Amino acid sequence: MLKNSKSFSSFSVDDLERARAFYGGVLGLDLKDDPMGILELHVNGSSPIVIYPKRNHEPATFTVLNFPVQSVEEAVEQLGKKGVLFEHYEEEGFKTDEKGVFRGEGPVIAWFKDPAGNILSILENN
């Protein structure tokens, strides 16, 4: 029944205009306004990701969106110049370096938050 459905992902934010400025301006992604008062995020030909306002929004405690990149190091540097702050983790077996980059088991990855507090990541796609 759902096998041929065109699925899409979505997440909420507390302020749609701040989300527009961040995703469109800071991250440089393509956005489209939807007549229902939501934003559609278009990334490299994939199904649109819906960003919708929610009055009682609570940030996700997990990664809601991942961006594969060729070099996490370069992406961290470029995004840092645009004011993006990267998360730092100090858990045993899960420590990031001074730049917020994790180089443990699995892909090289760095996490950051959008203005609504949702967690996003960039990860090396090798």
C-alpha atoms as a PDB file:
ATOM      1  CA  MET A   1       0.000   0.000   0.000  1.00  0.00           C
ATOM      2  CA  LEU A   2       2.752   2.501   0.870  1.00  0.00           C
ATOM      3  CA  LYS A   3       5.426   1.017  -1.372  1.00  0.00           C
ATOM      4  CA  ASN A   4       4.738   3.497  -4.189  1.00  0.00           C
ATOM      5  CA  SER A   5       3.939   6.455  -1.934  1.00  0.00           C
ATOM      6  CA  LYS A   6       6.133   9.529  -2.269  1.00  0.00           C
ATOM      7  CA  SER A   7       7.186   9.925   1.335  1.00  0.00           C
ATOM      8  CA  PHE A   8       8.707  13.033   2.849  1.00  0.00           C
ATOM      9  CA  SER A   9      10.157  14.048   6.164  1.00  0.00           C
ATOM     10  CA  SER A  10       9.192  16.990   8.350  1.00  0.00           C
ATOM     11  CA  PHE A  11      10.105  18.707  11.597  1.00  0.00           C
ATOM     12  CA  SER A  12       8.865  21.685  13.572  1.00  0.00           C
ATOM     13  CA  VAL A  13      10.409  25.021  14.500  1.00  0.00           C
ATOM     14  CA  ASP A  14       9.281  27.773  16.834  1.00  0.00           C
ATOM     15  CA  ASP A  15       9.852  30.639  14.376  1.00  0.00           C
ATOM     16  CA  LEU A  16       9.441  30.138  10.632  1.00  0.00           C
ATOM     17  CA  GLU A  17      11.198  33.391   9.696  1.00  0.00           C
ATOM     18  CA  ARG A  18      14.290  32.508  11.734  1.00  0.00           C
ATOM     19  CA  ALA A  19      14.230  29.064  10.111  1.00  0.00           C
ATOM     20  CA  ARG A  20      14.017  30.704   6.667  1.00  0.00           C
ATOM     21  CA  ALA A  21      17.002  32.946   7.459  1.00  0.00           C
ATOM     22  CA  PHE A  22      19.044  30.019   8.781  1.00  0.00           C
ATOM     23  CA  TYR A  23      18.276  27.343   6.196  1.00  0.00           C
ATOM     24  CA  GLY A  24      18.159  29.709   3.220  1.00  0.00           C
ATOM     25  CA  GLY A  25      20.671  32.368   4.262  1.00  0.00           C
ATOM     26  CA  VAL A  26      23.256  30.669   6.489  1.00  0.00           C
ATOM     27  CA  LEU A  27      23.139  27.158   5.012  1.00  0.00           C
ATOM     28  CA  GLY A  28      22.367  28.378   1.478  1.00  0.00           C
ATOM     29  CA  LEU A  29      19.654  25.787   0.825  1.00  0.00           C
ATOM     30  CA  ASP A  30      16.725  26.115  -1.562  1.00  0.00           C
ATOM     31  CA  LEU A  31      13.421  26.913   0.138  1.00  0.00           C
ATOM     32  CA  LYS A  32       9.926  27.163  -1.237  1.00  0.00           C
ATOM     33  CA  ASP A  33       6.984  28.770   0.524  1.00  0.00           C
ATOM     34  CA  ASP A  34       3.917  26.585   0.679  1.00  0.00           C
ATOM     35  CA  PRO A  35       0.429  28.144   0.733  1.00  0.00           C
ATOM     36  CA  MET A  36      -0.283  26.275   3.986  1.00  0.00           C
ATOM     37  CA  GLY A  37       2.243  28.462   5.832  1.00  0.00           C
ATOM     38  CA  ILE A  38       5.116  25.998   5.831  1.00  0.00           C
ATOM     39  CA  LEU A  39       8.543  25.891   4.206  1.00  0.00           C
ATOM     40  CA  GLU A  40       9.693  23.203   1.834  1.00  0.00           C
ATOM     41  CA  LEU A  41      13.406  22.513   1.972  1.00  0.00           C
ATOM     42  CA  HIS A  42      14.759  21.173  -1.328  1.00  0.00           C
ATOM     43  CA  VAL A  43      18.110  19.421  -1.169  1.00  0.00           C
ATOM     44  CA  ASN A  44      19.754  18.015  -4.286  1.00  0.00           C
ATOM     45  CA  GLY A  45      16.645  16.624  -5.954  1.00  0.00           C
ATOM     46  CA  SER A  46      15.379  14.632  -2.973  1.00  0.00           C
ATOM     47  CA  SER A  47      11.790  14.741  -1.768  1.00  0.00           C
ATOM     48  CA  PRO A  48      11.103  18.064  -0.080  1.00  0.00           C
ATOM     49  CA  ILE A  49      11.560  18.263   3.672  1.00  0.00           C
ATOM     50  CA  VAL A  50       8.728  20.150   5.331  1.00  0.00           C
ATOM     51  CA  ILE A  51       9.529  22.696   8.030  1.00  0.00           C
ATOM     52  CA  TYR A  52       6.430  23.788   9.899  1.00  0.00           C
ATOM     53  CA  PRO A  53       5.795  26.236  12.731  1.00  0.00           C
ATOM     54  CA  LYS A  54       4.582  24.853  16.031  1.00  0.00           C
ATOM     55  CA  ARG A  55       3.583  27.110  18.899  1.00  0.00           C
ATOM     56  CA  ASN A  56       4.669  24.668  21.605  1.00  0.00           C
ATOM     57  CA  HIS A  57       7.728  23.420  19.692  1.00  0.00           C
ATOM     58  CA  GLU A  58      10.258  21.386  21.615  1.00  0.00           C
ATOM     59  CA  PRO A  59      13.598  20.710  19.923  1.00  0.00           C
ATOM     60  CA  ALA A  60      14.275  17.163  18.845  1.00  0.00           C
ATOM     61  CA  THR A  61      16.746  15.317  21.070  1.00  0.00           C
ATOM     62  CA  PHE A  62      18.091  13.413  18.069  1.00  0.00           C
ATOM     63  CA  THR A  63      19.483  14.345  14.655  1.00  0.00           C
ATOM     64  CA  VAL A  64      16.626  15.418  12.373  1.00  0.00           C
ATOM     65  CA  LEU A  65      18.654  16.132   9.242  1.00  0.00           C
ATOM     66  CA  ASN A  66      22.024  14.871   7.960  1.00  0.00           C
ATOM     67  CA  PHE A  67      24.111  16.465   5.226  1.00  0.00           C
ATOM     68  CA  PRO A  68      26.765  14.249   3.608  1.00  0.00           C
ATOM     69  CA  VAL A  69      29.831  16.299   2.604  1.00  0.00           C
ATOM     70  CA  GLN A  70      33.211  15.477   1.107  1.00  0.00           C
ATOM     71  CA  SER A  71      35.129  17.043   3.999  1.00  0.00           C
ATOM     72  CA  VAL A  72      33.655  17.658   7.437  1.00  0.00           C
ATOM     73  CA  GLU A  73      36.744  19.694   8.330  1.00  0.00           C
ATOM     74  CA  GLU A  74      36.138  22.136   5.437  1.00  0.00           C
ATOM     75  CA  ALA A  75      32.384  22.296   6.101  1.00  0.00           C
ATOM     76  CA  VAL A  76      32.963  23.046   9.799  1.00  0.00           C
ATOM     77  CA  GLU A  77      35.336  25.853   8.842  1.00  0.00           C
ATOM     78  CA  GLN A  78      32.963  27.372   6.265  1.00  0.00           C
ATOM     79  CA  LEU A  79      29.867  27.106   8.459  1.00  0.00           C
ATOM     80  CA  GLY A  80      31.804  28.434  11.451  1.00  0.00           C
ATOM     81  CA  LYS A  81      32.595  31.584   9.468  1.00  0.00           C
ATOM     82  CA  LYS A  82      28.822  32.022   9.035  1.00  0.00           C
ATOM     83  CA  GLY A  83      28.259  31.828  12.780  1.00  0.00           C
ATOM     84  CA  VAL A  84      27.275  28.164  13.091  1.00  0.00           C
ATOM     85  CA  LEU A  85      28.333  26.715  16.451  1.00  0.00           C
ATOM     86  CA  PHE A  86      29.115  23.027  16.676  1.00  0.00           C
ATOM     87  CA  GLU A  87      28.117  20.773  19.527  1.00  0.00           C
ATOM     88  CA  HIS A  88      30.754  19.307  21.834  1.00  0.00           C
ATOM     89  CA  TYR A  89      30.333  15.915  23.446  1.00  0.00           C
ATOM     90  CA  GLU A  90      32.521  14.484  26.218  1.00  0.00           C
ATOM     91  CA  GLU A  91      30.942  11.078  26.736  1.00  0.00           C
ATOM     92  CA  GLU A  92      33.152   8.019  26.983  1.00  0.00           C
ATOM     93  CA  GLY A  93      33.615   6.611  23.469  1.00  0.00           C
ATOM     94  CA  PHE A  94      31.793   9.618  22.049  1.00  0.00           C
ATOM     95  CA  LYS A  95      34.081  12.628  22.284  1.00  0.00           C
ATOM     96  CA  THR A  96      34.359  15.452  19.805  1.00  0.00           C
ATOM     97  CA  ASP A  97      37.516  17.481  19.285  1.00  0.00           C
ATOM     98  CA  GLU A  98      37.950  21.213  19.931  1.00  0.00           C
ATOM     99  CA  LYS A  99      36.122  22.004  16.670  1.00  0.00           C
ATOM    100  CA  GLY A 100      33.183  19.722  17.507  1.00  0.00           C
ATOM    101  CA  VAL A 101      34.195  16.932  15.117  1.00  0.00           C
ATOM    102  CA  PHE A 102      33.760  13.286  16.071  1.00  0.00           C
ATOM    103  CA  ARG A 103      36.392  10.959  14.618  1.00  0.00           C
ATOM    104  CA  GLY A 104      35.574   7.707  16.383  1.00  0.00           C
ATOM    105  CA  GLU A 105      33.956   4.561  15.137  1.00  0.00           C
ATOM    106  CA  GLY A 106      31.841   5.285  12.070  1.00  0.00           C
ATOM    107  CA  PRO A 107      31.939   8.321   9.800  1.00  0.00           C
ATOM    108  CA  VAL A 108      33.611  11.620  10.622  1.00  0.00           C
ATOM    109  CA  ILE A 109      30.687  13.763  11.774  1.00  0.00           C
ATOM    110  CA  ALA A 110      29.860  17.096  13.431  1.00  0.00           C
ATOM    111  CA  TRP A 111      26.562  18.239  14.918  1.00  0.00           C
ATOM    112  CA  PHE A 112      25.013  21.689  15.160  1.00  0.00           C
ATOM    113  CA  LYS A 113      21.613  23.145  15.973  1.00  0.00           C
ATOM    114  CA  ASP A 114      19.185  25.262  14.016  1.00  0.00           C
ATOM    115  CA  PRO A 115      17.691  28.375  15.672  1.00  0.00           C
ATOM    116  CA  ALA A 116      14.838  26.239  17.060  1.00  0.00           C
ATOM    117  CA  GLY A 117      17.313  23.865  18.747  1.00  0.00           C
ATOM    118  CA  ASN A 118      16.850  20.927  16.349  1.00  0.00           C
ATOM    119  CA  ILE A 119      20.014  18.870  15.847  1.00  0.00           C
ATOM    120  CA  LEU A 120      21.554  18.661  12.366  1.00  0.00           C
ATOM    121  CA  SER A 121      24.758  17.006  11.210  1.00  0.00           C
ATOM    122  CA  ILE A 122      27.365  17.061   8.527  1.00  0.00           C
ATOM    123  CA  LEU A 123      29.094  13.760   7.908  1.00  0.00           C
ATOM    124  CA  GLU A 124      31.858  12.667   5.624  1.00  0.00           C
ATOM    125  CA  ASN A 125      30.672  10.761   2.605  1.00  0.00           C
ATOM    126  CA  ASN A 126      33.679   8.724   1.510  1.00  0.00           C
END
